N, C-alpha and C. Protein backbone atom coordinates (compact mmCIF):
# COMPACT_ATOMS: atom_id res chain seq x y z
N UNK A 1 -5.85 -18.36 18.96
CA UNK A 1 -5.72 -17.44 17.69
C UNK A 1 -6.05 -18.11 16.22
N UNK A 2 -6.07 -19.60 16.45
CA UNK A 2 -6.03 -20.46 15.67
C UNK A 2 -7.31 -19.96 14.99
N UNK A 3 -8.45 -20.10 16.01
CA UNK A 3 -9.52 -19.61 14.95
C UNK A 3 -9.73 -18.60 14.86
N UNK A 4 -10.15 -17.60 15.26
CA UNK A 4 -10.06 -16.35 14.92
C UNK A 4 -9.65 -16.10 13.12
N UNK A 5 -8.28 -16.89 13.28
CA UNK A 5 -7.85 -16.67 11.85
C UNK A 5 -8.47 -17.40 10.56
N UNK A 6 -8.82 -18.48 11.12
CA UNK A 6 -9.47 -19.33 10.33
C UNK A 6 -11.46 -18.99 9.72
N UNK A 7 -11.52 -18.07 11.31
CA UNK A 7 -12.75 -17.38 10.93
C UNK A 7 -12.68 -16.35 9.89
N UNK A 8 -11.89 -15.75 10.12
CA UNK A 8 -11.37 -14.29 9.51
C UNK A 8 -11.45 -14.48 8.06
N UNK A 9 -10.41 -16.17 7.95
CA UNK A 9 -10.67 -16.48 6.43
C UNK A 9 -11.67 -16.65 5.96
N UNK A 10 -12.79 -17.56 6.47
CA UNK A 10 -14.05 -17.74 6.24
C UNK A 10 -14.44 -16.79 5.49
N UNK A 11 -14.92 -15.55 6.25
CA UNK A 11 -15.38 -14.12 6.13
C UNK A 11 -14.33 -14.07 4.66
N UNK A 12 -13.89 -13.76 4.87
CA UNK A 12 -12.66 -13.43 2.77
C UNK A 12 -13.64 -14.26 1.95
N UNK A 13 -13.68 -15.42 1.92
CA UNK A 13 -13.69 -16.05 1.19
C UNK A 13 -15.02 -15.73 -0.32
N UNK A 14 -15.60 -14.93 0.04
CA UNK A 14 -16.71 -14.41 -0.28
C UNK A 14 -16.14 -13.50 -1.43
N UNK A 15 -15.27 -12.81 -0.95
CA UNK A 15 -14.24 -11.79 -1.74
C UNK A 15 -13.56 -12.33 -2.86
N UNK A 16 -13.18 -13.36 -2.39
CA UNK A 16 -11.83 -14.19 -2.91
C UNK A 16 -12.63 -15.12 -4.12
N UNK A 17 -13.60 -15.47 -3.67
CA UNK A 17 -14.71 -15.82 -4.99
C UNK A 17 -14.89 -14.61 -5.90
N UNK A 18 -14.81 -13.25 -5.56
CA UNK A 18 -15.51 -12.64 -6.13
C UNK A 18 -14.31 -12.29 -7.22
N UNK A 19 -13.24 -12.04 -6.74
CA UNK A 19 -12.08 -11.74 -7.61
C UNK A 19 -11.74 -12.55 -8.58
N UNK A 20 -12.19 -14.19 -8.01
CA UNK A 20 -11.39 -15.27 -8.70
C UNK A 20 -12.18 -15.44 -10.20
N UNK A 21 -13.55 -14.18 -9.88
CA UNK A 21 -14.56 -14.75 -11.09
C UNK A 21 -14.46 -13.51 -12.36
N UNK A 22 -13.39 -12.52 -11.52
CA UNK A 22 -13.10 -11.41 -12.48
C UNK A 22 -13.30 -11.60 -14.23
N UNK A 23 -11.61 -12.37 -14.16
CA UNK A 23 -10.96 -12.21 -15.61
C UNK A 23 -11.79 -13.76 -16.01
N UNK A 24 -12.85 -14.62 -15.44
CA UNK A 24 -13.48 -15.36 -16.24
C UNK A 24 -14.76 -15.23 -16.62
N UNK A 25 -15.00 -14.24 -16.14
CA UNK A 25 -17.12 -13.20 -16.61
C UNK A 25 -16.53 -11.62 -17.09
N UNK A 26 -16.69 -12.07 -18.35
CA UNK A 26 -16.39 -10.66 -19.02
C UNK A 26 -17.02 -10.07 -19.45
N UNK A 27 -18.24 -10.46 -18.90
CA UNK A 27 -19.50 -9.62 -19.16
C UNK A 27 -19.81 -8.63 -17.83
N UNK A 28 -19.64 -7.44 -17.32
CA UNK A 28 -19.81 -6.67 -16.89
C UNK A 28 -21.29 -6.95 -15.75
N UNK A 29 -22.21 -7.36 -16.70
CA UNK A 29 -23.72 -7.09 -16.08
C UNK A 29 -23.75 -8.28 -15.36
N UNK A 30 -23.41 -9.56 -15.75
CA UNK A 30 -23.68 -11.01 -15.69
C UNK A 30 -22.00 -10.88 -14.46
N UNK A 31 -21.40 -10.43 -14.46
CA UNK A 31 -20.51 -10.23 -13.23
C UNK A 31 -21.11 -9.53 -11.71
N UNK A 32 -21.47 -8.41 -12.12
CA UNK A 32 -22.18 -7.31 -11.42
C UNK A 32 -23.36 -8.33 -10.88
N UNK A 33 -24.05 -9.27 -11.40
CA UNK A 33 -24.94 -10.04 -11.38
C UNK A 33 -24.73 -11.47 -9.93
N UNK A 34 -23.88 -11.91 -10.69
CA UNK A 34 -23.50 -13.25 -9.74
C UNK A 34 -22.69 -12.22 -8.47
N UNK A 35 -22.24 -11.18 -8.32
CA UNK A 35 -21.83 -10.54 -6.97
C UNK A 35 -22.85 -10.75 -6.19
N UNK A 36 -24.09 -10.05 -6.73
CA UNK A 36 -25.03 -9.61 -5.56
C UNK A 36 -25.81 -11.23 -5.44
N UNK A 37 -25.68 -11.78 -6.14
CA UNK A 37 -25.89 -13.23 -5.96
C UNK A 37 -25.41 -13.87 -4.39
N UNK A 38 -23.66 -13.67 -4.10
CA UNK A 38 -22.69 -13.49 -3.98
C UNK A 38 -23.09 -13.33 -2.75
N UNK A 39 -23.10 -12.49 -2.98
CA UNK A 39 -23.86 -11.24 -1.43
C UNK A 39 -25.14 -11.99 -0.63
N UNK A 40 -26.02 -11.88 -1.40
CA UNK A 40 -27.38 -12.22 -1.04
C UNK A 40 -26.89 -13.99 -0.20
N UNK A 41 -26.11 -14.51 -0.61
CA UNK A 41 -26.50 -16.33 -0.17
C UNK A 41 -25.34 -15.94 1.00
N UNK A 42 -23.71 -15.19 1.15
CA UNK A 42 -23.25 -14.79 2.37
C UNK A 42 -24.20 -14.10 3.53
N UNK A 43 -24.90 -13.19 3.13
CA UNK A 43 -25.41 -12.78 4.06
C UNK A 43 -27.03 -13.32 5.11
N UNK A 44 -26.85 -14.68 3.53
CA UNK A 44 -28.25 -15.60 4.01
C UNK A 44 -27.46 -16.40 5.20
N UNK A 45 -26.26 -16.74 4.67
CA UNK A 45 -25.72 -17.54 5.56
C UNK A 45 -25.17 -17.58 7.08
N UNK A 46 -24.70 -16.23 6.73
CA UNK A 46 -24.51 -15.68 7.90
C UNK A 46 -24.49 -14.30 7.91
N UNK A 47 -25.86 -13.58 8.59
CA UNK A 47 -26.02 -12.16 8.80
C UNK A 47 -25.99 -11.97 10.50
N UNK A 48 -25.12 -10.43 10.29
CA UNK A 48 -24.63 -10.16 11.56
C UNK A 48 -25.43 -8.38 12.01
N UNK A 49 -25.32 -8.46 12.44
CA UNK A 49 -25.74 -6.67 13.11
C UNK A 49 -25.07 -5.58 12.16
N UNK A 50 -25.81 -4.94 11.90
CA UNK A 50 -25.42 -3.97 10.74
C UNK A 50 -24.76 -4.59 9.43
N UNK A 51 -24.57 -5.13 8.73
CA UNK A 51 -24.05 -5.96 7.80
C UNK A 51 -25.15 -5.11 6.91
N UNK A 52 -26.07 -5.05 6.52
CA UNK A 52 -26.57 -3.76 5.57
C UNK A 52 -25.97 -2.62 5.25
N UNK A 53 -25.90 -2.51 7.02
CA UNK A 53 -25.76 -0.36 6.68
C UNK A 53 -24.28 -1.05 6.10
N UNK A 54 -23.32 -1.78 6.58
CA UNK A 54 -22.29 -1.19 5.80
C UNK A 54 -21.96 -2.17 4.30
N UNK A 55 -22.94 -2.39 3.81
CA UNK A 55 -22.96 -2.71 2.56
C UNK A 55 -23.51 -1.70 2.05
N UNK A 56 -24.18 -1.16 2.34
CA UNK A 56 -24.70 -0.01 1.77
C UNK A 56 -24.01 1.13 1.27
N UNK A 57 -23.64 1.18 3.10
CA UNK A 57 -22.37 2.43 3.48
C UNK A 57 -21.16 2.28 2.06
N UNK A 58 -20.77 1.06 2.02
CA UNK A 58 -19.54 0.53 1.02
C UNK A 58 -19.67 1.05 -0.14
N UNK A 59 -21.04 0.22 -0.86
CA UNK A 59 -21.18 0.92 -2.38
C UNK A 59 -21.64 2.58 -2.04
N UNK A 60 -21.89 3.20 -1.44
CA UNK A 60 -22.17 4.68 -1.74
C UNK A 60 -21.00 4.93 -1.61
N UNK A 61 -20.23 4.61 -0.76
CA UNK A 61 -18.99 5.94 -0.77
C UNK A 61 -17.81 5.20 -1.48
N UNK A 62 -17.83 4.36 -1.82
CA UNK A 62 -16.64 4.03 -2.28
C UNK A 62 -17.33 4.01 -4.11
N UNK A 63 -18.22 3.80 -4.25
CA UNK A 63 -18.45 4.32 -6.10
C UNK A 63 -18.64 6.09 -6.02
N UNK A 64 -18.64 7.19 -4.75
CA UNK A 64 -18.76 8.37 -5.33
C UNK A 64 -17.00 8.32 -5.07
N UNK A 65 -16.08 7.80 -3.95
CA UNK A 65 -14.63 8.14 -3.87
C UNK A 65 -14.05 7.53 -5.58
N UNK A 66 -14.29 6.19 -5.43
CA UNK A 66 -13.63 5.48 -6.97
C UNK A 66 -14.22 6.64 -8.28
N UNK A 67 -15.00 7.37 -8.24
CA UNK A 67 -15.60 8.15 -9.13
C UNK A 67 -14.54 9.48 -9.39
N UNK A 68 -14.45 9.60 -8.29
CA UNK A 68 -13.67 11.18 -8.40
C UNK A 68 -12.08 10.25 -8.28
N UNK A 69 -11.30 9.61 -8.00
CA UNK A 69 -10.63 9.00 -7.83
C UNK A 69 -9.95 8.72 -9.09
N UNK A 70 -11.23 8.26 -10.43
CA UNK A 70 -10.64 7.76 -11.76
C UNK A 70 -10.73 9.02 -12.56
N UNK A 71 -11.58 10.15 -11.99
CA UNK A 71 -11.94 11.20 -12.83
C UNK A 71 -9.95 12.42 -12.53
N UNK A 72 -9.39 11.96 -11.49
CA UNK A 72 -8.34 12.06 -11.54
C UNK A 72 -7.09 11.74 -12.78
N UNK A 73 -7.18 10.85 -13.32
CA UNK A 73 -6.57 10.08 -13.98
C UNK A 73 -5.76 9.26 -13.57
N UNK A 74 -5.42 9.01 -12.06
CA UNK A 74 -4.45 8.47 -11.63
C UNK A 74 -4.43 6.74 -11.85
N UNK A 75 -5.52 6.61 -11.77
CA UNK A 75 -5.88 5.28 -12.36
C UNK A 75 -7.18 5.13 -14.06
N UNK A 76 -6.89 3.90 -14.34
CA UNK A 76 -8.49 3.54 -15.36
C UNK A 76 -8.66 2.22 -15.38
N UNK A 77 -9.90 2.21 -16.05
CA UNK A 77 -10.22 0.84 -15.93
C UNK A 77 -10.30 0.41 -17.85
N UNK A 78 -10.18 -0.77 -17.94
CA UNK A 78 -10.36 -1.17 -19.31
C UNK A 78 -12.25 -1.54 -19.56
N UNK A 79 -12.63 -1.71 -18.73
CA UNK A 79 -14.16 -2.16 -18.09
C UNK A 79 -14.56 -0.91 -18.08
N UNK A 80 -15.51 0.21 -18.58
CA UNK A 80 -15.97 0.80 -17.92
C UNK A 80 -17.41 1.12 -18.15
N UNK A 81 -18.43 0.16 -17.61
CA UNK A 81 -19.35 -0.35 -17.66
C UNK A 81 -20.58 0.88 -16.85
N UNK A 82 -19.81 1.54 -16.18
CA UNK A 82 -20.21 2.11 -14.83
C UNK A 82 -20.30 3.64 -14.84
N UNK A 83 -20.65 4.56 -15.09
CA UNK A 83 -20.55 6.24 -15.11
C UNK A 83 -19.25 6.56 -16.06
N UNK A 84 -19.07 5.51 -16.97
CA UNK A 84 -18.29 5.42 -18.11
C UNK A 84 -16.75 5.97 -17.59
N UNK A 85 -16.39 5.47 -16.33
CA UNK A 85 -14.93 5.40 -15.80
C UNK A 85 -15.05 3.88 -14.91
N UNK A 86 -15.80 3.17 -14.76
CA UNK A 86 -15.44 2.07 -13.80
C UNK A 86 -16.42 0.61 -14.16
N UNK A 87 -15.95 -0.35 -13.71
CA UNK A 87 -16.59 -1.74 -14.24
C UNK A 87 -18.07 -1.68 -13.58
N UNK A 88 -19.34 -1.98 -13.89
CA UNK A 88 -20.20 -1.84 -12.96
C UNK A 88 -20.41 -2.76 -11.50
N UNK A 89 -19.24 -3.88 -11.88
CA UNK A 89 -19.31 -4.49 -10.68
C UNK A 89 -18.49 -4.48 -10.11
N UNK A 90 -18.11 -3.19 -9.68
CA UNK A 90 -16.47 -3.08 -8.37
C UNK A 90 -17.42 -2.31 -7.35
N UNK A 91 -18.23 -1.26 -7.35
CA UNK A 91 -18.58 -1.17 -6.28
C UNK A 91 -19.48 -2.28 -5.33
N UNK A 92 -20.24 -3.23 -5.94
CA UNK A 92 -20.63 -4.69 -5.34
C UNK A 92 -19.03 -5.41 -4.58
N UNK A 93 -18.36 -4.94 -5.18
CA UNK A 93 -17.17 -6.05 -4.59
C UNK A 93 -16.55 -4.85 -3.54
N UNK A 94 -16.56 -3.89 -3.40
CA UNK A 94 -16.09 -2.30 -2.02
C UNK A 94 -17.02 -2.87 -0.99
N UNK A 95 -18.38 -2.97 -1.97
CA UNK A 95 -19.56 -3.07 -0.79
C UNK A 95 -19.14 -3.84 -0.07
N UNK A 96 -18.71 -5.42 -0.74
CA UNK A 96 -18.95 -6.26 0.17
C UNK A 96 -17.13 -6.49 1.07
N UNK A 97 -16.31 -6.23 0.51
CA UNK A 97 -15.68 -5.45 1.08
C UNK A 97 -15.27 -4.93 2.70
N UNK A 98 -16.56 -4.36 2.73
CA UNK A 98 -16.50 -3.27 4.00
C UNK A 98 -17.49 -4.09 5.03
N UNK A 99 -18.07 -5.18 4.38
CA UNK A 99 -19.08 -6.23 5.45
C UNK A 99 -17.57 -7.62 5.64
N UNK A 100 -16.69 -7.65 4.88
CA UNK A 100 -15.90 -8.77 5.51
C UNK A 100 -15.18 -8.12 6.26
N UNK A 101 -14.35 -6.71 5.82
CA UNK A 101 -13.54 -6.39 7.52
C UNK A 101 -14.48 -6.06 8.48
N UNK A 102 -16.03 -5.41 8.36
CA UNK A 102 -16.60 -5.56 9.38
C UNK A 102 -16.31 -6.29 10.26
N UNK A 103 -16.68 -7.28 10.17
CA UNK A 103 -16.96 -9.21 10.37
C UNK A 103 -14.82 -9.11 10.96
N UNK A 104 -15.00 -9.28 10.24
CA UNK A 104 -12.91 -9.42 10.59
C UNK A 104 -12.48 -9.00 11.69
N UNK A 105 -13.30 -7.64 11.63
CA UNK A 105 -12.45 -6.72 13.22
C UNK A 105 -13.49 -6.99 14.16
N UNK A 106 -14.76 -7.74 14.36
CA UNK A 106 -15.54 -8.18 15.07
C UNK A 106 -15.29 -9.49 16.12
N UNK A 107 -14.20 -10.30 15.18
CA UNK A 107 -13.49 -11.67 15.00
C UNK A 107 -12.56 -11.28 16.22
N UNK A 108 -11.96 -10.49 15.73
CA UNK A 108 -10.52 -9.89 16.31
C UNK A 108 -11.35 -9.17 17.90
N UNK A 109 -11.94 -8.46 17.76
CA UNK A 109 -12.62 -8.26 19.10
C UNK A 109 -13.09 -8.89 20.27
N UNK A 110 -13.29 -10.35 19.84
CA UNK A 110 -13.81 -11.55 20.74
C UNK A 110 -13.30 -11.46 21.90
């Protein structure tokens, strides 16, 4: 069980890094570019079956979902560089989050 927890934590490191960069990189375009690099390196280091499918699905579905959620006025971002309602980097964070969740699920199911 300890090995599984360690593996899940290692898979979560890119997400933790991405979250830590939000207050440090104020430019949304640079932050989104940095996220793309983190995602590419993470997928290069360890690529599992269907990672790209989950990445694309997470990007598309969460962008659409977040857009409609934000349009209800329940939540609001100060950084609105994408579609005038959300930060450009957010869909990339969500997309890799889907990959991390899929990988954690695979680890738990081993």
